[in-house]
Amino acid sequence: MTYDPPQTVDLMHMGKPKAMSAHLFDDVIVDPGCEKTIDKVVEALDGRTPRAILLTHIHFDHAGGTGALVRRFPDVEVWVHERGARHMIDPTRLVASARKVFGDYFDMLWGEVVPIPEQNVRVLHGGESEGPWEVAYTPGHAQHHVSYFHTPTRTAFTGDVTGIRIDGGPALPPTPPPDIDPPLWHQSLETVAAWEPERLAFMHFGQTTDDVMEQIATCHESLDQFAEAARTTDAAGMAEWIRAWVLERAGEEGLPTYYAAGPFEGLHAGLARYWKRVHAEAEADAAAAHDETVVGDEHRPTTG
């Protein structure tokens, strides 16, 4: 069977080009975007009915419009990792939590988040294979993140794991809270690389075909750079650091689009939360080691 390449749909989120993209492939939609932009997806379908919607993860920019699409196409199947499935079926808690962050901007940014009937949801664990599709669990950006590999075309749909990359620029790791975990993210990049893909398709923005492995390698490198920067600065300092980082690699012309794809002020908190956990674990380990030493001293035989 011969397949056409995936179709990248510019979702024009908030009127900004190349900030967010969905992908149409055969009879599948990958990461349809938020409810505010699903008309772009419906327009691109051009009268076709999708068989399945494949979600890499449930962040609103990737998955927020899924329920609204299911309302239009009631027989469509939604693939989502087990840790995100319940929030797609009942998004009440997810939306309430997000409203505390976005406030009045929530509706303007994302629109309505429509519940998905449980019978439409296919729960994934990672490791599944169906027809030409393979599924891998790829956490690090989110604990419920998966990537998809279409074996005949050697196309990997990677969500946010291979970074934000626009017009061949640098691979910038999006690091919002709460699930950022650089070691797991590095493992996930290795998982994608092991597929030996010839094409990457991702939300922010589009596709890579000529330097796939270079993008993966660059994302490894930039993830370490961002993690170290977050360890030694605050949110404002991190935003300025990222601005300089993008300017150096993408120039003035690339800066606005990178910012639209991942506002720099929001990229410190996820890594700060990671470092806080690392430090807490180190302190707990040190305390445990101290307690063992004290107990050992109490039971050590005395002489003299």
Protein backbone atom coordinates (compact mmCIF):
# COMPACT_ATOMS: atom_id res chain seq x y z
CA MET A 1 0.00 0.00 0.00
CA THR A 2 1.26 3.48 -0.86
CA TYR A 3 0.76 6.29 1.64
CA ASP A 4 0.89 10.03 1.07
CA PRO A 5 2.97 11.99 3.60
CA PRO A 6 1.14 13.29 6.67
CA GLN A 7 -0.68 16.57 6.16
CA THR A 8 0.34 19.31 8.57
CA VAL A 9 -2.58 21.57 9.49
CA ASP A 10 -1.59 25.00 10.79
CA LEU A 11 -4.08 25.62 13.58
CA MET A 12 -3.36 29.38 13.62
CA HIS A 13 -3.81 29.47 17.38
CA MET A 14 -4.53 33.04 18.51
CA GLY A 15 -3.95 34.06 14.91
CA LYS A 16 -0.28 33.01 15.05
CA PRO A 17 1.10 30.91 12.18
CA LYS A 18 3.41 27.97 12.89
CA ALA A 19 2.68 27.88 16.62
CA MET A 20 0.48 24.76 16.70
CA SER A 21 -0.20 22.03 14.16
CA ALA A 22 -2.37 18.95 13.90
CA HIS A 23 -1.56 16.11 11.53
CA LEU A 24 -3.90 14.21 9.24
CA PHE A 25 -2.68 10.86 8.02
CA ASP A 26 -4.76 8.38 6.08
CA ASP A 27 -7.96 8.20 8.20
CA VAL A 28 -6.30 9.34 11.43
CA ILE A 29 -5.91 12.70 13.21
CA VAL A 30 -2.88 13.07 15.48
CA ASP A 31 -3.16 15.72 18.22
CA PRO A 32 -6.11 17.77 16.92
CA GLY A 33 -5.40 20.83 19.08
CA CYS A 34 -7.80 22.80 21.26
CA GLU A 35 -11.49 23.51 20.73
CA LYS A 36 -10.73 27.07 19.63
CA THR A 37 -8.97 25.74 16.52
CA ILE A 38 -10.80 22.55 15.54
CA ASP A 39 -12.52 24.28 12.63
CA LYS A 40 -9.10 24.24 10.95
CA VAL A 41 -9.02 20.45 11.34
CA VAL A 42 -12.57 19.99 10.08
CA GLU A 43 -11.81 22.20 7.10
CA ALA A 44 -8.70 20.15 6.29
CA LEU A 45 -10.69 16.91 6.49
CA ASP A 46 -12.66 18.22 3.52
CA GLY A 47 -15.69 16.02 4.13
CA ARG A 48 -13.77 12.92 5.24
CA THR A 49 -14.73 11.08 8.42
CA PRO A 50 -11.78 10.15 10.65
CA ARG A 51 -11.49 6.63 12.01
CA ALA A 52 -9.33 7.53 15.01
CA ILE A 53 -7.84 10.44 16.92
CA LEU A 54 -4.39 9.63 18.29
CA LEU A 55 -3.37 11.74 21.30
CA THR A 56 0.28 11.95 22.30
CA HIS A 57 -0.80 13.54 25.60
CA ILE A 58 -3.70 15.48 27.05
CA HIS A 59 -2.35 19.03 27.38
CA PHE A 60 -4.99 21.42 26.07
CA ASP A 61 -2.95 22.60 23.08
CA HIS A 62 -2.73 18.99 21.88
CA ALA A 63 -5.97 17.40 23.01
CA GLY A 64 -8.41 20.02 24.30
CA GLY A 65 -10.57 19.91 21.18
CA THR A 66 -10.89 16.12 21.04
CA GLY A 67 -14.29 15.95 22.72
CA ALA A 68 -15.70 18.57 20.38
CA LEU A 69 -14.49 16.49 17.42
CA VAL A 70 -16.08 13.35 18.89
CA ARG A 71 -19.32 15.30 19.13
CA ARG A 72 -19.05 15.91 15.36
CA PHE A 73 -17.84 12.36 14.57
CA PRO A 74 -19.54 10.14 17.18
CA ASP A 75 -17.99 6.88 15.94
CA VAL A 76 -14.36 8.04 16.06
CA GLU A 77 -12.00 6.16 18.39
CA VAL A 78 -9.68 8.14 20.68
CA TRP A 79 -6.29 6.67 21.60
CA VAL A 80 -4.82 8.00 24.86
CA HIS A 81 -2.46 6.78 27.57
CA GLU A 82 -4.01 5.22 30.66
CA ARG A 83 -2.85 8.08 32.89
CA GLY A 84 -4.68 10.61 30.74
CA ALA A 85 -7.77 8.63 29.75
CA ARG A 86 -9.88 9.43 32.82
CA HIS A 87 -9.31 13.16 32.29
CA MET A 88 -10.59 12.90 28.74
CA ILE A 89 -13.69 11.04 29.90
CA ASP A 90 -14.30 13.53 32.72
CA PRO A 91 -12.19 16.69 32.34
CA THR A 92 -13.77 18.48 35.32
CA ARG A 93 -10.75 18.33 37.65
CA LEU A 94 -8.27 19.00 34.85
CA VAL A 95 -10.13 22.10 33.72
CA ALA A 96 -10.67 23.37 37.27
CA SER A 97 -6.95 23.07 37.98
CA ALA A 98 -6.04 24.84 34.75
CA ARG A 99 -8.46 27.68 35.43
CA LYS A 100 -6.51 28.44 38.60
CA VAL A 101 -3.48 29.03 36.38
CA PHE A 102 -5.03 30.69 33.32
CA GLY A 103 -7.96 32.44 35.02
CA ASP A 104 -10.13 34.41 32.61
CA TYR A 105 -7.72 33.61 29.79
CA PHE A 106 -8.63 29.92 29.79
CA ASP A 107 -11.65 30.23 27.52
CA MET A 108 -9.86 32.64 25.20
CA LEU A 109 -6.87 30.30 24.85
CA TRP A 110 -8.44 26.87 24.74
CA GLY A 111 -12.21 27.10 24.44
CA GLU A 112 -14.58 24.40 25.64
CA VAL A 113 -13.27 21.04 26.86
CA VAL A 114 -15.96 18.50 26.01
CA PRO A 115 -16.07 15.11 27.82
CA ILE A 116 -15.46 12.06 25.63
CA PRO A 117 -17.82 9.08 25.99
CA GLU A 118 -15.96 6.20 27.60
CA GLN A 119 -16.94 3.86 24.76
CA ASN A 120 -14.96 6.02 22.32
CA VAL A 121 -11.74 5.79 24.35
CA ARG A 122 -9.01 3.26 23.65
CA VAL A 123 -6.69 3.13 26.66
CA LEU A 124 -3.00 2.72 25.86
CA HIS A 125 -0.13 1.53 28.04
CA GLY A 126 2.72 1.72 25.55
CA GLY A 127 3.99 -1.22 23.54
CA GLU A 128 0.80 -1.71 21.52
CA SER A 129 0.91 -2.58 17.83
CA GLU A 130 -2.05 -2.46 15.47
CA GLY A 131 -1.71 -2.76 11.72
CA PRO A 132 0.93 -0.26 10.61
CA TRP A 133 0.96 1.57 13.98
CA GLU A 134 3.26 1.09 16.97
CA VAL A 135 2.86 2.87 20.30
CA ALA A 136 5.65 3.70 22.76
CA TYR A 137 5.42 5.20 26.23
CA THR A 138 7.53 8.38 26.12
CA PRO A 139 7.34 10.31 29.43
CA GLY A 140 9.55 13.19 30.49
CA HIS A 141 7.44 16.04 29.16
CA ALA A 142 4.27 14.50 30.62
CA GLN A 143 3.73 11.28 32.55
CA HIS A 144 0.93 10.35 30.14
CA HIS A 145 2.90 10.98 26.93
CA VAL A 146 3.08 8.39 24.15
CA SER A 147 4.55 8.53 20.65
CA TYR A 148 3.31 6.74 17.54
CA PHE A 149 5.29 5.13 14.75
CA HIS A 150 3.81 4.41 11.34
CA THR A 151 6.06 1.62 10.13
CA PRO A 152 5.43 1.67 6.35
CA THR A 153 6.42 5.35 6.09
CA ARG A 154 8.83 5.30 9.07
CA THR A 155 7.07 8.37 10.47
CA ALA A 156 7.23 9.08 14.21
CA PHE A 157 4.53 11.30 15.67
CA THR A 158 6.27 12.66 18.75
CA GLY A 159 4.04 15.30 20.34
CA ASP A 160 6.42 17.39 22.45
CA VAL A 161 9.17 14.82 23.07
CA THR A 162 11.39 15.94 20.18
CA GLY A 163 10.89 19.57 21.12
CA ILE A 164 9.59 22.75 19.57
CA ARG A 165 11.27 23.21 16.21
CA ILE A 166 10.21 25.78 13.64
CA ASP A 167 11.53 26.20 10.11
CA GLY A 168 14.59 24.06 10.76
CA GLY A 169 15.60 26.04 13.83
CA PRO A 170 16.80 24.70 17.20
CA ALA A 171 14.94 21.99 19.10
CA LEU A 172 13.61 23.73 22.21
CA PRO A 173 12.27 21.48 24.99
CA PRO A 174 8.89 22.71 26.29
CA THR A 175 9.05 22.36 30.08
CA PRO A 176 5.76 23.39 31.75
CA PRO A 177 4.73 21.81 35.07
CA PRO A 178 3.93 19.41 36.55
CA ASP A 179 5.62 16.32 35.05
CA ILE A 180 9.00 17.43 33.67
CA ASP A 181 11.64 14.76 34.27
CA PRO A 182 14.83 15.18 32.20
CA PRO A 183 16.23 11.65 32.76
CA LEU A 184 12.93 10.11 31.61
CA TRP A 185 12.84 12.56 28.70
CA HIS A 186 16.30 11.46 27.58
CA GLN A 187 15.13 7.83 27.68
CA SER A 188 12.10 8.75 25.58
CA LEU A 189 14.30 10.43 22.98
CA GLU A 190 16.29 7.20 22.81
CA THR A 191 13.03 5.27 22.36
CA VAL A 192 12.11 7.44 19.37
CA ALA A 193 15.62 7.15 17.93
CA ALA A 194 15.47 3.35 18.20
CA TRP A 195 12.63 3.35 15.68
CA GLU A 196 15.12 4.85 13.19
CA PRO A 197 12.43 7.16 11.84
CA GLU A 198 12.81 8.92 8.52
CA ARG A 199 10.25 11.58 9.43
CA LEU A 200 9.20 13.34 12.63
CA ALA A 201 5.78 14.98 12.89
CA PHE A 202 5.13 17.14 15.95
CA MET A 203 2.81 19.84 17.27
CA HIS A 204 5.18 22.82 17.37
CA PHE A 205 5.62 22.89 14.38
CA GLY A 206 5.23 20.56 11.42
CA GLN A 207 7.61 17.88 10.15
CA THR A 208 11.30 17.05 9.86
CA THR A 209 12.60 14.78 7.11
CA ASP A 210 16.19 15.70 6.27
CA ASP A 211 17.90 15.70 9.71
CA VAL A 212 15.75 13.58 12.00
CA MET A 213 18.58 12.21 14.12
CA GLU A 214 20.17 15.65 14.39
CA GLN A 215 16.92 17.01 15.84
CA ILE A 216 16.83 14.21 18.40
CA ALA A 217 20.48 14.79 19.32
CA THR A 218 19.92 18.54 19.58
CA CYS A 219 16.94 18.01 21.87
CA HIS A 220 19.13 15.90 24.18
CA GLU A 221 21.62 18.76 24.32
CA SER A 222 19.12 21.58 24.77
CA LEU A 223 17.23 19.67 27.47
CA ASP A 224 20.41 19.54 29.56
CA GLN A 225 21.07 23.23 28.91
CA PHE A 226 17.55 24.22 29.96
CA ALA A 227 17.67 22.03 33.07
CA GLU A 228 20.94 23.60 34.20
CA ALA A 229 19.66 27.12 33.52
CA ALA A 230 16.53 26.47 35.59
CA ARG A 231 18.63 25.13 38.47
CA THR A 232 20.43 28.45 38.88
CA THR A 233 17.79 31.11 38.13
CA ASP A 234 14.15 32.11 38.63
CA ALA A 235 11.24 32.36 36.16
CA ALA A 236 12.13 35.87 34.96
CA GLY A 237 15.80 35.00 34.60
CA MET A 238 14.92 31.80 32.76
CA ALA A 239 12.69 33.68 30.32
CA GLU A 240 15.52 36.09 29.51
CA TRP A 241 17.97 33.21 29.17
CA ILE A 242 15.64 31.40 26.74
CA ARG A 243 15.15 34.58 24.74
CA ALA A 244 18.91 34.90 24.30
CA TRP A 245 19.19 31.18 23.51
CA VAL A 246 16.58 31.43 20.73
CA LEU A 247 18.00 34.68 19.37
CA GLU A 248 21.43 33.09 19.03
CA ARG A 249 20.06 30.09 17.14
CA ALA A 250 16.98 31.34 15.28
CA GLY A 251 17.57 35.08 15.01
CA GLU A 252 15.15 37.95 15.42
CA GLU A 253 12.90 36.54 12.72
CA GLY A 254 12.45 33.25 14.58
CA LEU A 255 11.93 34.67 18.06
CA PRO A 256 8.21 35.60 17.84
CA THR A 257 7.18 32.20 16.46
CA TYR A 258 9.14 30.26 19.08
CA TYR A 259 7.57 32.44 21.75
CA ALA A 260 4.06 31.83 20.38
CA ALA A 261 4.69 28.07 20.37
CA GLY A 262 5.96 28.01 23.95
CA PRO A 263 5.85 31.28 25.93
CA PHE A 264 9.18 31.50 27.70
CA GLU A 265 7.79 32.59 31.08
CA GLY A 266 6.04 29.23 31.45
CA LEU A 267 9.11 27.05 30.92
CA HIS A 268 10.82 27.51 34.29
CA ALA A 269 8.22 26.05 36.63
CA GLY A 270 8.36 22.48 35.33
CA LEU A 271 12.12 22.23 35.72
CA ALA A 272 12.05 24.07 39.07
CA ARG A 273 9.57 21.48 40.32
CA TYR A 274 11.89 18.72 39.07
CA TRP A 275 14.91 20.17 40.90
CA LYS A 276 12.87 20.61 44.09
CA ARG A 277 11.99 16.92 43.96
CA VAL A 278 15.61 15.93 43.29
CA HIS A 279 16.82 17.98 46.26
CA ALA A 280 14.10 16.56 48.52
CA GLU A 281 15.01 13.02 47.53
CA ALA A 282 18.70 13.72 48.16
CA GLU A 283 17.93 15.12 51.63
CA ALA A 284 15.75 12.10 52.41
CA ASP A 285 18.52 9.73 51.32
CA ALA A 286 21.06 11.62 53.43
CA ALA A 287 18.77 11.49 56.46
CA ALA A 288 18.21 7.77 55.98
CA ALA A 289 21.94 7.16 55.71
CA HIS A 290 22.51 9.17 58.89
CA ASP A 291 19.86 7.17 60.76
CA GLU A 292 21.47 3.91 59.67
CA THR A 293 24.83 5.12 60.91
CA VAL A 294 23.41 6.12 64.29
CA VAL A 295 21.65 2.79 64.71
CA GLY A 296 24.80 0.98 63.71
CA ASP A 297 26.85 2.92 66.28
CA GLU A 298 24.35 2.11 69.03
CA HIS A 299 24.77 -1.62 68.42
CA ARG A 300 28.53 -1.59 67.87
CA PRO A 301 30.39 -3.54 70.59
CA THR A 302 32.49 -1.40 72.94
CA THR A 303 35.99 -2.25 74.21
CA GLY A 304 38.02 -1.34 77.31
